[in-house]
Amino acid sequence: MKQRSFFGLPLFGAGACLVALVFVAPSEALSHPKYNSYGGDLIPNRYIVEYDHGYSTSANNFVHSVQSKFKKAQIHVAERFEHDIFNGISFGLNGLNNIEHDAALEAVLDHDNVKAVYPVRIIRRPNVTVEKLSSKTRNISNLPHGMTQVDRVHAELKKFGKGIKISVVDSGVDYLHPALGGGFGKGFKVQFGYDLVGNAYTGANSPVPDADPLDSCTAESGASGHGTHVSGIIAGYDAKTNFTGVAPQTTLGMWRVFGCK
């Protein structure tokens, strides 16, 4: 069976707004200049529609228009984005047959107010490899600062990032680590952020967000601690171990987008 992909886009008729939902064979979609396929592991029936700047339609209108035309449509609008950087929606759909979708394919992709359509794909967590260092390099802890001249920024310019806020999008952060301040919120190094997904998130299931970006995954889960590693490079500081990040006086935020697995 030929694999098919779903698009949802607004169409305009005479004085009325119509939303058409289309299943498109990948070969057809890839030939259209507005379809942005970039490979990778795709999440079935999940898409992002980007509108032209200034165009606006509510998620409720989107759902209502679809369900008024396709009674079997099962629609979940995940997000509505309305910003100078990106204007559009992300959503999932099930319950419609291919004929209903194919009828509106050409009009959907050619609509003037649609800038682009993107399939939603899974972004895998970064893998961390562990290698033994030779005895000759074991004590050169600040070598990267010398290579990048961060050591000169610290020594000559006396710049350590004071007054700067840096946001990280990664696997969460172990802010309980002494080099990262030992806590979360006002008065700590990591002061803001959010867990957008939860420990059990895989990319294919539903996220369970909460307001705490702590990476509490165990070693048994296979988690890499990548967000903690990155946060340490940016702003870590531990006098006992002579460890200093690039900007140790900055304030950090973490938006967690990876689960433990």
C-alpha atoms as a PDB file:
ATOM      1  CA  MET A   1       0.000   0.000   0.000  1.00  0.00           C
ATOM      2  CA  LYS A   2       1.276   3.456  -0.854  1.00  0.00           C
ATOM      3  CA  GLN A   3       1.998   5.518   2.256  1.00  0.00           C
ATOM      4  CA  ARG A   4       0.053   8.772   2.404  1.00  0.00           C
ATOM      5  CA  SER A   5       0.456  12.042   4.265  1.00  0.00           C
ATOM      6  CA  PHE A   6      -2.090  14.529   5.621  1.00  0.00           C
ATOM      7  CA  PHE A   7      -2.411  18.264   5.112  1.00  0.00           C
ATOM      8  CA  GLY A   8      -4.912  20.709   6.619  1.00  0.00           C
ATOM      9  CA  LEU A   9      -5.193  24.163   5.092  1.00  0.00           C
ATOM     10  CA  PRO A  10      -7.770  26.964   4.804  1.00  0.00           C
ATOM     11  CA  LEU A  11      -9.518  27.589   1.522  1.00  0.00           C
ATOM     12  CA  PHE A  12     -11.687  30.534   0.585  1.00  0.00           C
ATOM     13  CA  GLY A  13     -14.790  30.430  -1.566  1.00  0.00           C
ATOM     14  CA  ALA A  14     -17.298  33.148  -2.363  1.00  0.00           C
ATOM     15  CA  GLY A  15     -17.693  34.948   0.966  1.00  0.00           C
ATOM     16  CA  ALA A  16     -17.039  31.864   3.079  1.00  0.00           C
ATOM     17  CA  CYS A  17     -14.102  30.139   4.713  1.00  0.00           C
ATOM     18  CA  LEU A  18     -13.657  26.444   3.979  1.00  0.00           C
ATOM     19  CA  VAL A  19     -11.045  24.136   5.423  1.00  0.00           C
ATOM     20  CA  ALA A  20     -10.096  21.144   3.329  1.00  0.00           C
ATOM     21  CA  LEU A  21      -8.218  18.109   4.646  1.00  0.00           C
ATOM     22  CA  VAL A  22      -6.217  16.091   2.207  1.00  0.00           C
ATOM     23  CA  PHE A  23      -4.293  12.843   2.204  1.00  0.00           C
ATOM     24  CA  VAL A  24      -1.437  13.237  -0.237  1.00  0.00           C
ATOM     25  CA  ALA A  25       0.906  10.637  -1.591  1.00  0.00           C
ATOM     26  CA  PRO A  26       4.444  11.734  -0.658  1.00  0.00           C
ATOM     27  CA  SER A  27       5.531  11.746  -4.313  1.00  0.00           C
ATOM     28  CA  GLU A  28       2.795  14.266  -5.137  1.00  0.00           C
ATOM     29  CA  ALA A  29       3.454  16.420  -2.098  1.00  0.00           C
ATOM     30  CA  LEU A  30       7.191  16.526  -2.621  1.00  0.00           C
ATOM     31  CA  SER A  31       6.717  17.948  -6.114  1.00  0.00           C
ATOM     32  CA  HIS A  32       4.801  20.930  -4.762  1.00  0.00           C
ATOM     33  CA  PRO A  33       6.914  23.985  -3.852  1.00  0.00           C
ATOM     34  CA  LYS A  34       4.926  24.638  -0.658  1.00  0.00           C
ATOM     35  CA  TYR A  35       5.456  21.159   0.779  1.00  0.00           C
ATOM     36  CA  ASN A  36       8.601  21.072   2.903  1.00  0.00           C
ATOM     37  CA  SER A  37       9.665  17.508   3.484  1.00  0.00           C
ATOM     38  CA  TYR A  38      13.061  17.127   5.134  1.00  0.00           C
ATOM     39  CA  GLY A  39      13.212  13.412   5.832  1.00  0.00           C
ATOM     40  CA  GLY A  40      13.546  11.708   9.186  1.00  0.00           C
ATOM     41  CA  ASP A  41      11.002   9.800  11.261  1.00  0.00           C
ATOM     42  CA  LEU A  42       7.577  11.312  10.631  1.00  0.00           C
ATOM     43  CA  ILE A  43       4.707  11.210  13.103  1.00  0.00           C
ATOM     44  CA  PRO A  44       1.662   9.870  11.199  1.00  0.00           C
ATOM     45  CA  ASN A  45      -1.113  12.397  10.504  1.00  0.00           C
ATOM     46  CA  ARG A  46       0.638  15.293  12.247  1.00  0.00           C
ATOM     47  CA  TYR A  47       1.347  18.477  10.308  1.00  0.00           C
ATOM     48  CA  ILE A  48       2.242  22.131  10.647  1.00  0.00           C
ATOM     49  CA  VAL A  49       0.657  24.704   8.357  1.00  0.00           C
ATOM     50  CA  GLU A  50       2.413  28.051   7.996  1.00  0.00           C
ATOM     51  CA  TYR A  51       0.257  31.003   6.960  1.00  0.00           C
ATOM     52  CA  ASP A  52       1.423  34.184   5.324  1.00  0.00           C
ATOM     53  CA  HIS A  53       2.329  37.007   7.700  1.00  0.00           C
ATOM     54  CA  GLY A  54      -0.768  38.840   8.897  1.00  0.00           C
ATOM     55  CA  TYR A  55      -3.269  36.099   8.013  1.00  0.00           C
ATOM     56  CA  SER A  56      -5.305  34.886  10.990  1.00  0.00           C
ATOM     57  CA  THR A  57      -7.903  32.191  11.658  1.00  0.00           C
ATOM     58  CA  SER A  58      -8.769  30.658  15.024  1.00  0.00           C
ATOM     59  CA  ALA A  59      -8.271  26.997  15.885  1.00  0.00           C
ATOM     60  CA  ASN A  60     -11.986  26.763  16.760  1.00  0.00           C
ATOM     61  CA  ASN A  61     -12.950  27.995  13.292  1.00  0.00           C
ATOM     62  CA  PHE A  62     -10.545  25.491  11.809  1.00  0.00           C
ATOM     63  CA  VAL A  63     -12.084  22.546  13.671  1.00  0.00           C
ATOM     64  CA  HIS A  64     -15.669  23.699  13.040  1.00  0.00           C
ATOM     65  CA  SER A  65     -15.088  24.153   9.317  1.00  0.00           C
ATOM     66  CA  VAL A  66     -13.539  20.710   8.978  1.00  0.00           C
ATOM     67  CA  GLN A  67     -16.185  18.884  10.984  1.00  0.00           C
ATOM     68  CA  SER A  68     -19.035  20.641   9.156  1.00  0.00           C
ATOM     69  CA  LYS A  69     -17.736  19.210   5.890  1.00  0.00           C
ATOM     70  CA  PHE A  70     -16.287  15.914   7.113  1.00  0.00           C
ATOM     71  CA  LYS A  71     -18.482  14.501   9.867  1.00  0.00           C
ATOM     72  CA  LYS A  72     -16.046  11.671  10.557  1.00  0.00           C
ATOM     73  CA  ALA A  73     -13.085  13.975  11.101  1.00  0.00           C
ATOM     74  CA  GLN A  74     -11.221  13.486  14.356  1.00  0.00           C
ATOM     75  CA  ILE A  75      -9.166  16.653  14.782  1.00  0.00           C
ATOM     76  CA  HIS A  76      -6.754  17.696  17.470  1.00  0.00           C
ATOM     77  CA  VAL A  77      -5.239  21.159  17.201  1.00  0.00           C
ATOM     78  CA  ALA A  78      -2.006  20.943  19.167  1.00  0.00           C
ATOM     79  CA  GLU A  79      -0.851  24.563  18.913  1.00  0.00           C
ATOM     80  CA  ARG A  80      -1.812  27.891  17.352  1.00  0.00           C
ATOM     81  CA  PHE A  81       1.153  30.139  16.597  1.00  0.00           C
ATOM     82  CA  GLU A  82       0.593  33.817  15.844  1.00  0.00           C
ATOM     83  CA  HIS A  83       3.887  35.671  15.906  1.00  0.00           C
ATOM     84  CA  ASP A  84       6.114  37.754  13.668  1.00  0.00           C
ATOM     85  CA  ILE A  85       8.491  34.780  13.473  1.00  0.00           C
ATOM     86  CA  PHE A  86       5.894  32.109  12.671  1.00  0.00           C
ATOM     87  CA  ASN A  87       2.157  32.219  11.937  1.00  0.00           C
ATOM     88  CA  GLY A  88       0.255  28.939  11.670  1.00  0.00           C
ATOM     89  CA  ILE A  89      -1.099  25.848  13.413  1.00  0.00           C
ATOM     90  CA  SER A  90      -0.051  22.305  14.214  1.00  0.00           C
ATOM     91  CA  PHE A  91      -2.663  19.562  14.321  1.00  0.00           C
ATOM     92  CA  GLY A  92      -3.444  15.879  13.945  1.00  0.00           C
ATOM     93  CA  LEU A  93      -6.278  14.216  12.080  1.00  0.00           C
ATOM     94  CA  ASN A  94      -7.795  10.753  11.815  1.00  0.00           C
ATOM     95  CA  GLY A  95     -11.022   9.206  10.577  1.00  0.00           C
ATOM     96  CA  LEU A  96     -11.186  10.380   6.933  1.00  0.00           C
ATOM     97  CA  ASN A  97     -10.788   8.320   3.799  1.00  0.00           C
ATOM     98  CA  ASN A  98      -8.414   9.048   0.955  1.00  0.00           C
ATOM     99  CA  ILE A  99     -11.078  10.117  -1.556  1.00  0.00           C
ATOM    100  CA  GLU A 100     -12.331  12.916   0.718  1.00  0.00           C
ATOM    101  CA  HIS A 101      -8.818  14.219   1.085  1.00  0.00           C
ATOM    102  CA  ASP A 102      -7.625  13.882  -2.500  1.00  0.00           C
ATOM    103  CA  ALA A 103     -10.460  16.011  -3.873  1.00  0.00           C
ATOM    104  CA  ALA A 104      -9.076  19.167  -2.274  1.00  0.00           C
ATOM    105  CA  LEU A 105      -5.336  18.523  -2.692  1.00  0.00           C
ATOM    106  CA  GLU A 106      -4.548  20.902  -5.550  1.00  0.00           C
ATOM    107  CA  ALA A 107      -6.583  23.801  -4.099  1.00  0.00           C
ATOM    108  CA  VAL A 108      -5.075  23.344  -0.631  1.00  0.00           C
ATOM    109  CA  LEU A 109      -1.463  23.463  -1.726  1.00  0.00           C
ATOM    110  CA  ASP A 110      -2.095  26.325  -4.156  1.00  0.00           C
ATOM    111  CA  HIS A 111      -3.986  28.555  -1.710  1.00  0.00           C
ATOM    112  CA  ASP A 112      -2.693  32.122  -1.564  1.00  0.00           C
ATOM    113  CA  ASN A 113      -2.691  32.385   2.263  1.00  0.00           C
ATOM    114  CA  VAL A 114      -0.685  29.201   2.802  1.00  0.00           C
ATOM    115  CA  LYS A 115       3.040  29.742   2.833  1.00  0.00           C
ATOM    116  CA  ALA A 116       4.189  26.180   3.567  1.00  0.00           C
ATOM    117  CA  VAL A 117       3.202  22.780   4.967  1.00  0.00           C
ATOM    118  CA  TYR A 118       5.551  20.670   7.082  1.00  0.00           C
ATOM    119  CA  PRO A 119       5.155  17.082   8.274  1.00  0.00           C
ATOM    120  CA  VAL A 120       5.887  16.716  11.992  1.00  0.00           C
ATOM    121  CA  ARG A 121       8.911  14.573  12.649  1.00  0.00           C
ATOM    122  CA  ILE A 122      10.538  13.072  15.711  1.00  0.00           C
ATOM    123  CA  ILE A 123      13.808  14.664  16.799  1.00  0.00           C
ATOM    124  CA  ARG A 124      15.927  12.062  18.560  1.00  0.00           C
ATOM    125  CA  ARG A 125      17.841  12.896  21.729  1.00  0.00           C
ATOM    126  CA  PRO A 126      21.563  13.498  21.199  1.00  0.00           C
ATOM    127  CA  ASN A 127      23.733  10.490  21.998  1.00  0.00           C
ATOM    128  CA  VAL A 128      26.626  10.961  24.396  1.00  0.00           C
ATOM    129  CA  THR A 129      29.686   8.749  24.003  1.00  0.00           C
ATOM    130  CA  VAL A 130      32.065   7.991  26.851  1.00  0.00           C
ATOM    131  CA  GLU A 131      35.766   7.548  26.135  1.00  0.00           C
ATOM    132  CA  LYS A 132      38.760   7.158  28.413  1.00  0.00           C
ATOM    133  CA  LEU A 133      41.292   9.984  28.289  1.00  0.00           C
ATOM    134  CA  SER A 134      44.977   9.370  28.230  1.00  0.00           C
ATOM    135  CA  SER A 135      46.989  10.365  31.312  1.00  0.00           C
ATOM    136  CA  LYS A 136      48.550  13.205  29.311  1.00  0.00           C
ATOM    137  CA  THR A 137      45.247  14.985  28.762  1.00  0.00           C
ATOM    138  CA  ARG A 138      43.519  14.096  32.024  1.00  0.00           C
ATOM    139  CA  ASN A 139      44.426  17.351  33.810  1.00  0.00           C
ATOM    140  CA  ILE A 140      43.895  19.827  30.964  1.00  0.00           C
ATOM    141  CA  SER A 141      40.409  20.827  32.110  1.00  0.00           C
ATOM    142  CA  ASN A 142      40.376  24.349  30.612  1.00  0.00           C
ATOM    143  CA  LEU A 143      41.857  23.575  27.204  1.00  0.00           C
ATOM    144  CA  PRO A 144      38.674  24.569  25.263  1.00  0.00           C
ATOM    145  CA  HIS A 145      38.742  28.040  26.866  1.00  0.00           C
ATOM    146  CA  GLY A 146      42.273  28.494  25.571  1.00  0.00           C
ATOM    147  CA  MET A 147      41.289  27.366  22.075  1.00  0.00           C
ATOM    148  CA  THR A 148      38.305  29.722  21.918  1.00  0.00           C
ATOM    149  CA  GLN A 149      39.980  32.586  23.859  1.00  0.00           C
ATOM    150  CA  VAL A 150      37.275  32.505  26.527  1.00  0.00           C
ATOM    151  CA  ASP A 151      40.173  32.561  28.979  1.00  0.00           C
ATOM    152  CA  ARG A 152      41.151  36.007  27.646  1.00  0.00           C
ATOM    153  CA  VAL A 153      37.564  37.265  27.942  1.00  0.00           C
ATOM    154  CA  HIS A 154      37.647  36.252  31.612  1.00  0.00           C
ATOM    155  CA  ALA A 155      41.160  37.484  32.395  1.00  0.00           C
ATOM    156  CA  GLU A 156      41.425  40.660  30.290  1.00  0.00           C
ATOM    157  CA  LEU A 157      37.855  41.875  29.800  1.00  0.00           C
ATOM    158  CA  LYS A 158      36.525  40.594  33.136  1.00  0.00           C
ATOM    159  CA  LYS A 159      33.368  39.454  31.389  1.00  0.00           C
ATOM    160  CA  PHE A 160      31.520  36.525  32.960  1.00  0.00           C
ATOM    161  CA  GLY A 161      27.996  36.999  31.647  1.00  0.00           C
ATOM    162  CA  LYS A 162      26.577  39.047  34.496  1.00  0.00           C
ATOM    163  CA  GLY A 163      23.124  40.432  33.680  1.00  0.00           C
ATOM    164  CA  ILE A 164      22.581  38.071  30.733  1.00  0.00           C
ATOM    165  CA  LYS A 165      19.796  35.491  30.457  1.00  0.00           C
ATOM    166  CA  ILE A 166      20.328  32.388  28.330  1.00  0.00           C
ATOM    167  CA  SER A 167      17.584  29.945  27.389  1.00  0.00           C
ATOM    168  CA  VAL A 168      18.314  26.323  26.509  1.00  0.00           C
ATOM    169  CA  VAL A 169      16.004  23.913  24.645  1.00  0.00           C
ATOM    170  CA  ASP A 170      17.155  20.397  25.494  1.00  0.00           C
ATOM    171  CA  SER A 171      16.606  17.338  27.701  1.00  0.00           C
ATOM    172  CA  GLY A 172      16.097  19.251  30.956  1.00  0.00           C
ATOM    173  CA  VAL A 173      18.690  20.185  33.538  1.00  0.00           C
ATOM    174  CA  ASP A 174      19.928  18.747  36.817  1.00  0.00           C
ATOM    175  CA  TYR A 175      19.952  22.091  38.596  1.00  0.00           C
ATOM    176  CA  LEU A 176      20.641  20.251  41.878  1.00  0.00           C
ATOM    177  CA  HIS A 177      24.234  19.796  40.699  1.00  0.00           C
ATOM    178  CA  PRO A 178      26.463  22.134  42.732  1.00  0.00           C
ATOM    179  CA  ALA A 179      28.063  23.582  39.581  1.00  0.00           C
ATOM    180  CA  LEU A 180      24.578  24.643  38.444  1.00  0.00           C
ATOM    181  CA  GLY A 181      23.488  26.316  41.655  1.00  0.00           C
ATOM    182  CA  GLY A 182      21.742  23.575  43.602  1.00  0.00           C
ATOM    183  CA  GLY A 183      18.176  24.801  43.054  1.00  0.00           C
ATOM    184  CA  PHE A 184      15.565  26.307  40.755  1.00  0.00           C
ATOM    185  CA  GLY A 185      13.886  29.702  40.767  1.00  0.00           C
ATOM    186  CA  LYS A 186      14.675  33.139  42.124  1.00  0.00           C
ATOM    187  CA  GLY A 187      18.135  33.382  43.653  1.00  0.00           C
ATOM    188  CA  PHE A 188      19.516  30.354  41.779  1.00  0.00           C
ATOM    189  CA  LYS A 189      21.505  30.020  38.580  1.00  0.00           C
ATOM    190  CA  VAL A 190      18.617  28.225  36.804  1.00  0.00           C
ATOM    191  CA  GLN A 191      15.722  30.604  37.401  1.00  0.00           C
ATOM    192  CA  PHE A 192      13.144  29.925  34.707  1.00  0.00           C
ATOM    193  CA  GLY A 193      11.937  27.356  32.195  1.00  0.00           C
ATOM    194  CA  TYR A 194       9.357  24.612  31.718  1.00  0.00           C
ATOM    195  CA  ASP A 195       9.094  20.881  31.133  1.00  0.00           C
ATOM    196  CA  LEU A 196       7.093  20.721  27.897  1.00  0.00           C
ATOM    197  CA  VAL A 197       6.931  16.917  27.677  1.00  0.00           C
ATOM    198  CA  GLY A 198       7.473  14.876  30.882  1.00  0.00           C
ATOM    199  CA  ASN A 199       9.679  11.857  31.617  1.00  0.00           C
ATOM    200  CA  ALA A 200       7.639   9.359  29.573  1.00  0.00           C
ATOM    201  CA  TYR A 201       7.547  11.370  26.357  1.00  0.00           C
ATOM    202  CA  THR A 202       8.915   9.567  23.266  1.00  0.00           C
ATOM    203  CA  GLY A 203       7.883  11.942  20.477  1.00  0.00           C
ATOM    204  CA  ALA A 204       5.020   9.694  19.377  1.00  0.00           C
ATOM    205  CA  ASN A 205       2.846   9.813  22.522  1.00  0.00           C
ATOM    206  CA  SER A 206       1.104  12.693  24.278  1.00  0.00           C
ATOM    207  CA  PRO A 207       3.304  15.032  26.349  1.00  0.00           C
ATOM    208  CA  VAL A 208       2.597  15.599  30.046  1.00  0.00           C
ATOM    209  CA  PRO A 209       3.985  19.089  30.769  1.00  0.00           C
ATOM    210  CA  ASP A 210       4.753  20.645  34.123  1.00  0.00           C
ATOM    211  CA  ALA A 211       6.489  23.766  35.375  1.00  0.00           C
ATOM    212  CA  ASP A 212       9.699  22.064  36.562  1.00  0.00           C
ATOM    213  CA  PRO A 213      12.441  21.483  33.919  1.00  0.00           C
ATOM    214  CA  LEU A 214      14.438  19.131  36.192  1.00  0.00           C
ATOM    215  CA  ASP A 215      16.076  16.192  34.447  1.00  0.00           C
ATOM    216  CA  SER A 216      15.371  13.461  37.003  1.00  0.00           C
ATOM    217  CA  CYS A 217      15.966  10.524  34.638  1.00  0.00           C
ATOM    218  CA  THR A 218      18.032   7.644  36.013  1.00  0.00           C
ATOM    219  CA  ALA A 219      21.050   6.084  34.341  1.00  0.00           C
ATOM    220  CA  GLU A 220      18.981   2.913  33.828  1.00  0.00           C
ATOM    221  CA  SER A 221      16.608   4.839  31.565  1.00  0.00           C
ATOM    222  CA  GLY A 222      19.372   5.459  29.044  1.00  0.00           C
ATOM    223  CA  ALA A 223      19.160   9.234  29.457  1.00  0.00           C
ATOM    224  CA  SER A 224      22.301  11.152  28.533  1.00  0.00           C
ATOM    225  CA  GLY A 225      21.986  14.288  30.672  1.00  0.00           C
ATOM    226  CA  HIS A 226      22.651  16.339  27.544  1.00  0.00           C
ATOM    227  CA  GLY A 227      20.818  19.442  28.777  1.00  0.00           C
ATOM    228  CA  THR A 228      22.824  19.414  32.005  1.00  0.00           C
ATOM    229  CA  HIS A 229      26.026  19.023  30.010  1.00  0.00           C
ATOM    230  CA  VAL A 230      25.157  21.991  27.777  1.00  0.00           C
ATOM    231  CA  SER A 231      24.134  24.110  30.764  1.00  0.00           C
ATOM    232  CA  GLY A 232      27.463  23.382  32.402  1.00  0.00           C
ATOM    233  CA  ILE A 233      29.393  24.479  29.317  1.00  0.00           C
ATOM    234  CA  ILE A 234      27.430  27.727  29.265  1.00  0.00           C
ATOM    235  CA  ALA A 235      27.266  28.726  32.914  1.00  0.00           C
ATOM    236  CA  GLY A 236      28.644  26.079  35.244  1.00  0.00           C
ATOM    237  CA  TYR A 237      30.974  27.006  38.093  1.00  0.00           C
ATOM    238  CA  ASP A 238      32.524  24.849  40.805  1.00  0.00           C
ATOM    239  CA  ALA A 239      35.547  26.213  42.662  1.00  0.00           C
ATOM    240  CA  LYS A 240      36.298  22.836  44.288  1.00  0.00           C
ATOM    241  CA  THR A 241      36.885  21.126  40.953  1.00  0.00           C
ATOM    242  CA  ASN A 242      38.280  24.190  39.160  1.00  0.00           C
ATOM    243  CA  PHE A 243      35.443  24.068  36.643  1.00  0.00           C
ATOM    244  CA  THR A 244      34.266  27.289  34.982  1.00  0.00           C
ATOM    245  CA  GLY A 245      31.816  27.597  32.114  1.00  0.00           C
ATOM    246  CA  VAL A 246      31.938  30.211  29.381  1.00  0.00           C
ATOM    247  CA  ALA A 247      29.648  32.659  31.194  1.00  0.00           C
ATOM    248  CA  PRO A 248      29.345  31.506  34.818  1.00  0.00           C
ATOM    249  CA  GLN A 249      27.450  34.602  36.025  1.00  0.00           C
ATOM    250  CA  THR A 250      24.574  34.297  33.564  1.00  0.00           C
ATOM    251  CA  THR A 251      21.041  33.331  34.528  1.00  0.00           C
ATOM    252  CA  LEU A 252      19.823  30.140  32.862  1.00  0.00           C
ATOM    253  CA  GLY A 253      16.436  28.924  31.637  1.00  0.00           C
ATOM    254  CA  MET A 254      15.616  25.424  30.395  1.00  0.00           C
ATOM    255  CA  TRP A 255      12.775  24.300  28.144  1.00  0.00           C
ATOM    256  CA  ARG A 256      12.709  20.525  28.257  1.00  0.00           C
ATOM    257  CA  VAL A 257      11.640  18.828  25.005  1.00  0.00           C
ATOM    258  CA  PHE A 258      13.001  15.283  25.476  1.00  0.00           C
ATOM    259  CA  GLY A 259      11.737  12.531  27.775  1.00  0.00           C
ATOM    260  CA  CYS A 260      13.963   9.988  29.488  1.00  0.00           C
ATOM    261  CA  LYS A 261      13.877   7.546  26.549  1.00  0.00           C
END
